[in-house]
Amino acid sequence: MTFLFAGHETTSNATSCALFLLAQHPYEQDLLREELVKAFPNKSKFSPTFDEINSLEYLNCIIKEILRLTPPSVVIFRTSFEDKVIAGHFIPKDTQIDIPIVALNRLPSIWGPTADEFVPKRWLDPSLIITNYNYLTFSTGNRACIGNKLALNEFKILLSMLVRNFVFQPVEGLNIKKKPGFLTKLDPYLELNVSKVEV
């Protein structure tokens, strides 16, 4: 049931955010499409295997960057099970601890001066040090998202099919913002100009 309830809305929201960001960044969208056309020249036979979809370097960069900027869940809640001192701060037992994923994913001390910008190529930088504690899109440890691998591959395949077959452009004058709440959503809705890729 967790896969069904947690998987559908988060993946659809992530896909909406991805299309919105790629429409705002046509150069990045074109680079991704070039990679997809090269990997799958016959779009009518687009049926990637697990290894094929995960071998696409730029697609992986795009997915990671989208999930960094617009994580499906913006905060994780935990409760301390004992009195603890962390970094000089006393945290009593049974204290609810809110971990702001969206804030961690945009910290300049981790991501540099372009922390708020959509820069997929940052993931190719060998000096970028990413750990399970500074990129928490799927949480970490024994409470991490159990659908992590399924969601990532579903997201990659869905986004690849869309970008391989269509060009997405913003609608002039449409003002879309992120809707506040536990999940990342676009408000009021996603509207884009869409044209078919003929190749």
C-alpha atoms as a PDB file:
ATOM      1  CA  MET A   1       0.000   0.000   0.000  1.00  0.00           C
ATOM      2  CA  THR A   2       2.880   2.371   0.750  1.00  0.00           C
ATOM      3  CA  PHE A   3       4.152   1.969  -2.813  1.00  0.00           C
ATOM      4  CA  LEU A   4       0.699   2.824  -4.186  1.00  0.00           C
ATOM      5  CA  PHE A   5      -0.147   5.773  -1.957  1.00  0.00           C
ATOM      6  CA  ALA A   6       3.310   7.344  -1.562  1.00  0.00           C
ATOM      7  CA  GLY A   7       4.517   6.549  -5.060  1.00  0.00           C
ATOM      8  CA  HIS A   8       1.898   8.026  -7.353  1.00  0.00           C
ATOM      9  CA  GLU A   9       1.506  11.575  -6.116  1.00  0.00           C
ATOM     10  CA  THR A  10       5.194  12.155  -5.405  1.00  0.00           C
ATOM     11  CA  THR A  11       6.262  10.885  -8.838  1.00  0.00           C
ATOM     12  CA  SER A  12       3.605  12.920 -10.643  1.00  0.00           C
ATOM     13  CA  ASN A  13       4.574  16.032  -8.676  1.00  0.00           C
ATOM     14  CA  ALA A  14       8.264  15.452  -9.437  1.00  0.00           C
ATOM     15  CA  THR A  15       7.450  15.043 -13.137  1.00  0.00           C
ATOM     16  CA  SER A  16       5.466  18.291 -13.150  1.00  0.00           C
ATOM     17  CA  CYS A  17       8.348  20.124 -11.472  1.00  0.00           C
ATOM     18  CA  ALA A  18      10.791  18.557 -13.937  1.00  0.00           C
ATOM     19  CA  LEU A  19       8.820  19.664 -16.994  1.00  0.00           C
ATOM     20  CA  PHE A  20       8.407  23.139 -15.548  1.00  0.00           C
ATOM     21  CA  LEU A  21      12.161  23.488 -14.860  1.00  0.00           C
ATOM     22  CA  LEU A  22      13.133  22.073 -18.255  1.00  0.00           C
ATOM     23  CA  ALA A  23      10.714  24.455 -19.989  1.00  0.00           C
ATOM     24  CA  GLN A  24      12.441  27.324 -18.161  1.00  0.00           C
ATOM     25  CA  HIS A  25      15.870  25.972 -19.204  1.00  0.00           C
ATOM     26  CA  PRO A  26      15.618  25.009 -22.909  1.00  0.00           C
ATOM     27  CA  TYR A  27      19.378  24.435 -23.255  1.00  0.00           C
ATOM     28  CA  GLU A  28      19.299  21.765 -20.536  1.00  0.00           C
ATOM     29  CA  GLN A  29      16.187  20.252 -22.108  1.00  0.00           C
ATOM     30  CA  ASP A  30      17.945  20.076 -25.488  1.00  0.00           C
ATOM     31  CA  LEU A  31      21.034  18.427 -23.971  1.00  0.00           C
ATOM     32  CA  LEU A  32      18.850  15.794 -22.345  1.00  0.00           C
ATOM     33  CA  ARG A  33      16.964  15.199 -25.591  1.00  0.00           C
ATOM     34  CA  GLU A  34      20.243  14.816 -27.502  1.00  0.00           C
ATOM     35  CA  GLU A  35      21.341  12.130 -25.052  1.00  0.00           C
ATOM     36  CA  LEU A  36      17.995  10.353 -25.367  1.00  0.00           C
ATOM     37  CA  VAL A  37      17.938  10.503 -29.185  1.00  0.00           C
ATOM     38  CA  LYS A  38      21.464   9.083 -29.284  1.00  0.00           C
ATOM     39  CA  ALA A  39      20.562   6.274 -26.872  1.00  0.00           C
ATOM     40  CA  PHE A  40      17.148   5.566 -28.450  1.00  0.00           C
ATOM     41  CA  PRO A  41      17.253   6.633 -32.122  1.00  0.00           C
ATOM     42  CA  ASN A  42      13.957   4.915 -32.923  1.00  0.00           C
ATOM     43  CA  LYS A  43      11.439   6.560 -30.610  1.00  0.00           C
ATOM     44  CA  SER A  44       8.726   4.060 -31.523  1.00  0.00           C
ATOM     45  CA  LYS A  45      10.874   1.349 -29.906  1.00  0.00           C
ATOM     46  CA  PHE A  46      11.567   3.213 -26.665  1.00  0.00           C
ATOM     47  CA  SER A  47      11.681   0.390 -24.148  1.00  0.00           C
ATOM     48  CA  PRO A  48      14.765   0.940 -21.981  1.00  0.00           C
ATOM     49  CA  THR A  49      16.126  -1.723 -19.678  1.00  0.00           C
ATOM     50  CA  PHE A  50      17.130  -0.946 -16.102  1.00  0.00           C
ATOM     51  CA  ASP A  51      20.806  -0.745 -17.118  1.00  0.00           C
ATOM     52  CA  GLU A  52      20.113   1.408 -20.182  1.00  0.00           C
ATOM     53  CA  ILE A  53      18.079   4.034 -18.335  1.00  0.00           C
ATOM     54  CA  ASN A  54      20.569   4.199 -15.474  1.00  0.00           C
ATOM     55  CA  SER A  55      23.571   4.539 -17.795  1.00  0.00           C
ATOM     56  CA  LEU A  56      22.372   7.910 -19.147  1.00  0.00           C
ATOM     57  CA  GLU A  57      24.718  10.360 -17.438  1.00  0.00           C
ATOM     58  CA  TYR A  58      22.918  13.604 -18.182  1.00  0.00           C
ATOM     59  CA  LEU A  59      19.510  12.149 -17.345  1.00  0.00           C
ATOM     60  CA  ASN A  60      20.905  11.156 -13.942  1.00  0.00           C
ATOM     61  CA  CYS A  61      22.212  14.708 -13.431  1.00  0.00           C
ATOM     62  CA  ILE A  62      18.833  16.207 -14.387  1.00  0.00           C
ATOM     63  CA  ILE A  63      16.922  13.878 -12.054  1.00  0.00           C
ATOM     64  CA  LYS A  64      19.234  14.539  -9.091  1.00  0.00           C
ATOM     65  CA  GLU A  65      19.090  18.294  -9.631  1.00  0.00           C
ATOM     66  CA  ILE A  66      15.293  18.332  -9.901  1.00  0.00           C
ATOM     67  CA  LEU A  67      14.972  16.282  -6.710  1.00  0.00           C
ATOM     68  CA  ARG A  68      17.476  18.589  -5.008  1.00  0.00           C
ATOM     69  CA  LEU A  69      15.539  21.742  -5.846  1.00  0.00           C
ATOM     70  CA  THR A  70      12.042  20.306  -5.519  1.00  0.00           C
ATOM     71  CA  PRO A  71      12.158  17.261  -3.233  1.00  0.00           C
ATOM     72  CA  PRO A  72       8.796  15.468  -3.088  1.00  0.00           C
ATOM     73  CA  SER A  73       8.743  15.840   0.707  1.00  0.00           C
ATOM     74  CA  VAL A  74      10.153  19.098   2.025  1.00  0.00           C
ATOM     75  CA  VAL A  75      10.644  18.017   5.653  1.00  0.00           C
ATOM     76  CA  ILE A  76      11.291  14.852   7.671  1.00  0.00           C
ATOM     77  CA  PHE A  77       9.914  14.441  11.195  1.00  0.00           C
ATOM     78  CA  ARG A  78      11.743  12.399  13.815  1.00  0.00           C
ATOM     79  CA  THR A  79      11.298  12.006  17.583  1.00  0.00           C
ATOM     80  CA  SER A  80      14.240  11.629  19.964  1.00  0.00           C
ATOM     81  CA  PHE A  81      14.008   8.423  21.973  1.00  0.00           C
ATOM     82  CA  GLU A  82      16.425   9.564  24.701  1.00  0.00           C
ATOM     83  CA  ASP A  83      17.944  12.718  26.169  1.00  0.00           C
ATOM     84  CA  LYS A  84      20.800  13.780  23.902  1.00  0.00           C
ATOM     85  CA  VAL A  85      23.283  16.642  23.469  1.00  0.00           C
ATOM     86  CA  ILE A  86      23.944  17.423  19.812  1.00  0.00           C
ATOM     87  CA  ALA A  87      26.396  20.174  18.850  1.00  0.00           C
ATOM     88  CA  GLY A  88      26.107  21.610  22.355  1.00  0.00           C
ATOM     89  CA  HIS A  89      22.303  21.657  22.344  1.00  0.00           C
ATOM     90  CA  PHE A  90      20.329  19.572  24.817  1.00  0.00           C
ATOM     91  CA  ILE A  91      17.467  17.682  23.179  1.00  0.00           C
ATOM     92  CA  PRO A  92      15.109  16.038  25.668  1.00  0.00           C
ATOM     93  CA  LYS A  93      13.555  12.635  25.101  1.00  0.00           C
ATOM     94  CA  ASP A  94      10.327  12.689  23.032  1.00  0.00           C
ATOM     95  CA  THR A  95      11.224  15.968  21.282  1.00  0.00           C
ATOM     96  CA  GLN A  96       9.957  16.214  17.702  1.00  0.00           C
ATOM     97  CA  ILE A  97      12.814  17.101  15.391  1.00  0.00           C
ATOM     98  CA  ASP A  98      12.024  18.654  12.016  1.00  0.00           C
ATOM     99  CA  ILE A  99      14.691  18.149   9.355  1.00  0.00           C
ATOM    100  CA  PRO A 100      14.128  20.645   6.518  1.00  0.00           C
ATOM    101  CA  ILE A 101      15.160  18.721   3.400  1.00  0.00           C
ATOM    102  CA  VAL A 102      14.454  21.659   1.104  1.00  0.00           C
ATOM    103  CA  ALA A 103      16.733  23.921   3.195  1.00  0.00           C
ATOM    104  CA  LEU A 104      19.581  21.381   3.280  1.00  0.00           C
ATOM    105  CA  ASN A 105      19.273  20.874  -0.471  1.00  0.00           C
ATOM    106  CA  ARG A 106      19.814  24.607  -1.022  1.00  0.00           C
ATOM    107  CA  LEU A 107      22.555  25.389   1.489  1.00  0.00           C
ATOM    108  CA  PRO A 108      25.336  27.436  -0.188  1.00  0.00           C
ATOM    109  CA  SER A 109      27.859  25.864   2.194  1.00  0.00           C
ATOM    110  CA  ILE A 110      27.149  22.509   0.503  1.00  0.00           C
ATOM    111  CA  TRP A 111      26.055  23.453  -3.016  1.00  0.00           C
ATOM    112  CA  GLY A 112      28.020  26.653  -3.576  1.00  0.00           C
ATOM    113  CA  PRO A 113      26.891  30.078  -4.795  1.00  0.00           C
ATOM    114  CA  THR A 114      24.476  28.552  -7.331  1.00  0.00           C
ATOM    115  CA  ALA A 115      22.584  26.597  -4.644  1.00  0.00           C
ATOM    116  CA  ASP A 116      19.214  28.097  -5.668  1.00  0.00           C
ATOM    117  CA  GLU A 117      19.785  27.614  -9.390  1.00  0.00           C
ATOM    118  CA  PHE A 118      19.013  24.713 -11.723  1.00  0.00           C
ATOM    119  CA  VAL A 119      22.512  23.499 -12.659  1.00  0.00           C
ATOM    120  CA  PRO A 120      22.434  19.789 -13.571  1.00  0.00           C
ATOM    121  CA  LYS A 121      26.146  19.721 -14.461  1.00  0.00           C
ATOM    122  CA  ARG A 122      27.041  20.291 -10.797  1.00  0.00           C
ATOM    123  CA  TRP A 123      26.617  16.522 -10.382  1.00  0.00           C
ATOM    124  CA  LEU A 124      29.581  15.931 -12.716  1.00  0.00           C
ATOM    125  CA  ASP A 125      31.894  18.019 -10.506  1.00  0.00           C
ATOM    126  CA  PRO A 126      34.241  15.629  -8.641  1.00  0.00           C
ATOM    127  CA  SER A 127      34.795  18.232  -5.910  1.00  0.00           C
ATOM    128  CA  LEU A 128      31.102  18.084  -4.928  1.00  0.00           C
ATOM    129  CA  ILE A 129      30.929  15.926  -1.813  1.00  0.00           C
ATOM    130  CA  ILE A 130      27.484  14.398  -1.347  1.00  0.00           C
ATOM    131  CA  THR A 131      26.620  12.201   1.606  1.00  0.00           C
ATOM    132  CA  ASN A 132      23.477  10.624   3.049  1.00  0.00           C
ATOM    133  CA  TYR A 133      23.355  13.552   5.465  1.00  0.00           C
ATOM    134  CA  ASN A 134      23.453  16.523   3.101  1.00  0.00           C
ATOM    135  CA  TYR A 135      21.233  15.169   0.298  1.00  0.00           C
ATOM    136  CA  LEU A 136      18.162  13.777   2.018  1.00  0.00           C
ATOM    137  CA  THR A 137      15.605  13.685  -0.773  1.00  0.00           C
ATOM    138  CA  PHE A 138      14.729  10.078   0.111  1.00  0.00           C
ATOM    139  CA  SER A 139      15.849  10.330   3.752  1.00  0.00           C
ATOM    140  CA  THR A 140      18.514   7.893   4.978  1.00  0.00           C
ATOM    141  CA  GLY A 141      19.117   5.000   7.326  1.00  0.00           C
ATOM    142  CA  ASN A 142      16.503   2.440   8.334  1.00  0.00           C
ATOM    143  CA  ARG A 143      13.725   5.026   7.909  1.00  0.00           C
ATOM    144  CA  ALA A 144      14.639   5.900   4.314  1.00  0.00           C
ATOM    145  CA  CYS A 145      12.020   5.722   1.556  1.00  0.00           C
ATOM    146  CA  ILE A 146      11.409   2.061   0.753  1.00  0.00           C
ATOM    147  CA  GLY A 147      10.338   2.971  -2.773  1.00  0.00           C
ATOM    148  CA  ASN A 148      13.526   4.909  -3.581  1.00  0.00           C
ATOM    149  CA  LYS A 149      14.752   2.694  -6.451  1.00  0.00           C
ATOM    150  CA  LEU A 150      11.294   2.120  -7.901  1.00  0.00           C
ATOM    151  CA  ALA A 151      10.451   5.837  -7.783  1.00  0.00           C
ATOM    152  CA  LEU A 152      13.752   6.885  -9.382  1.00  0.00           C
ATOM    153  CA  ASN A 153      13.402   4.464 -12.280  1.00  0.00           C
ATOM    154  CA  GLU A 154       9.741   5.272 -12.794  1.00  0.00           C
ATOM    155  CA  PHE A 155      10.626   8.982 -12.822  1.00  0.00           C
ATOM    156  CA  LYS A 156      13.548   8.476 -15.239  1.00  0.00           C
ATOM    157  CA  ILE A 157      11.489   6.450 -17.712  1.00  0.00           C
ATOM    158  CA  LEU A 158       8.488   8.796 -17.596  1.00  0.00           C
ATOM    159  CA  LEU A 159      10.593  11.939 -18.019  1.00  0.00           C
ATOM    160  CA  SER A 160      12.665  10.309 -20.776  1.00  0.00           C
ATOM    161  CA  MET A 161       9.570   9.321 -22.757  1.00  0.00           C
ATOM    162  CA  LEU A 162       8.153  12.831 -22.485  1.00  0.00           C
ATOM    163  CA  VAL A 163      11.350  14.701 -23.391  1.00  0.00           C
ATOM    164  CA  ARG A 164      12.249  12.209 -26.152  1.00  0.00           C
ATOM    165  CA  ASN A 165       8.862  12.825 -27.831  1.00  0.00           C
ATOM    166  CA  PHE A 166       7.965  16.431 -26.995  1.00  0.00           C
ATOM    167  CA  VAL A 167       9.448  19.909 -26.590  1.00  0.00           C
ATOM    168  CA  PHE A 168       8.168  21.830 -23.583  1.00  0.00           C
ATOM    169  CA  GLN A 169       8.092  25.640 -23.489  1.00  0.00           C
ATOM    170  CA  PRO A 170       6.691  28.036 -20.885  1.00  0.00           C
ATOM    171  CA  VAL A 171       3.388  29.789 -21.392  1.00  0.00           C
ATOM    172  CA  GLU A 172       4.043  33.521 -21.496  1.00  0.00           C
ATOM    173  CA  GLY A 173       2.563  35.384 -18.540  1.00  0.00           C
ATOM    174  CA  LEU A 174       1.685  32.259 -16.547  1.00  0.00           C
ATOM    175  CA  ASN A 175       2.904  32.667 -12.982  1.00  0.00           C
ATOM    176  CA  ILE A 176       3.463  29.322 -11.281  1.00  0.00           C
ATOM    177  CA  LYS A 177       4.752  29.013  -7.758  1.00  0.00           C
ATOM    178  CA  LYS A 178       5.373  26.149  -5.395  1.00  0.00           C
ATOM    179  CA  LYS A 179       2.428  25.409  -3.159  1.00  0.00           C
ATOM    180  CA  PRO A 180       3.409  25.352   0.530  1.00  0.00           C
ATOM    181  CA  GLY A 181       2.911  22.107   2.395  1.00  0.00           C
ATOM    182  CA  PHE A 182       4.488  18.774   3.173  1.00  0.00           C
ATOM    183  CA  LEU A 183       4.761  17.793  -0.504  1.00  0.00           C
ATOM    184  CA  THR A 184       6.206  19.869  -3.324  1.00  0.00           C
ATOM    185  CA  LYS A 185       3.388  20.934  -5.664  1.00  0.00           C
ATOM    186  CA  LEU A 186       2.987  23.573  -8.333  1.00  0.00           C
ATOM    187  CA  ASP A 187       0.166  26.048  -7.920  1.00  0.00           C
ATOM    188  CA  PRO A 188      -2.304  26.600  -9.489  1.00  0.00           C
ATOM    189  CA  TYR A 189      -1.467  23.973 -12.143  1.00  0.00           C
ATOM    190  CA  LEU A 190       1.129  23.247 -14.790  1.00  0.00           C
ATOM    191  CA  GLU A 191       0.465  24.689 -18.222  1.00  0.00           C
ATOM    192  CA  LEU A 192       3.108  24.471 -20.931  1.00  0.00           C
ATOM    193  CA  ASN A 193       3.311  24.867 -24.687  1.00  0.00           C
ATOM    194  CA  VAL A 194       4.044  21.412 -26.123  1.00  0.00           C
ATOM    195  CA  SER A 195       5.244  20.474 -29.587  1.00  0.00           C
ATOM    196  CA  LYS A 196       6.097  17.091 -31.052  1.00  0.00           C
ATOM    197  CA  VAL A 197       9.661  15.947 -31.730  1.00  0.00           C
ATOM    198  CA  GLU A 198       9.728  14.631 -35.291  1.00  0.00           C
ATOM    199  CA  VAL A 199      13.095  12.841 -35.181  1.00  0.00           C
END
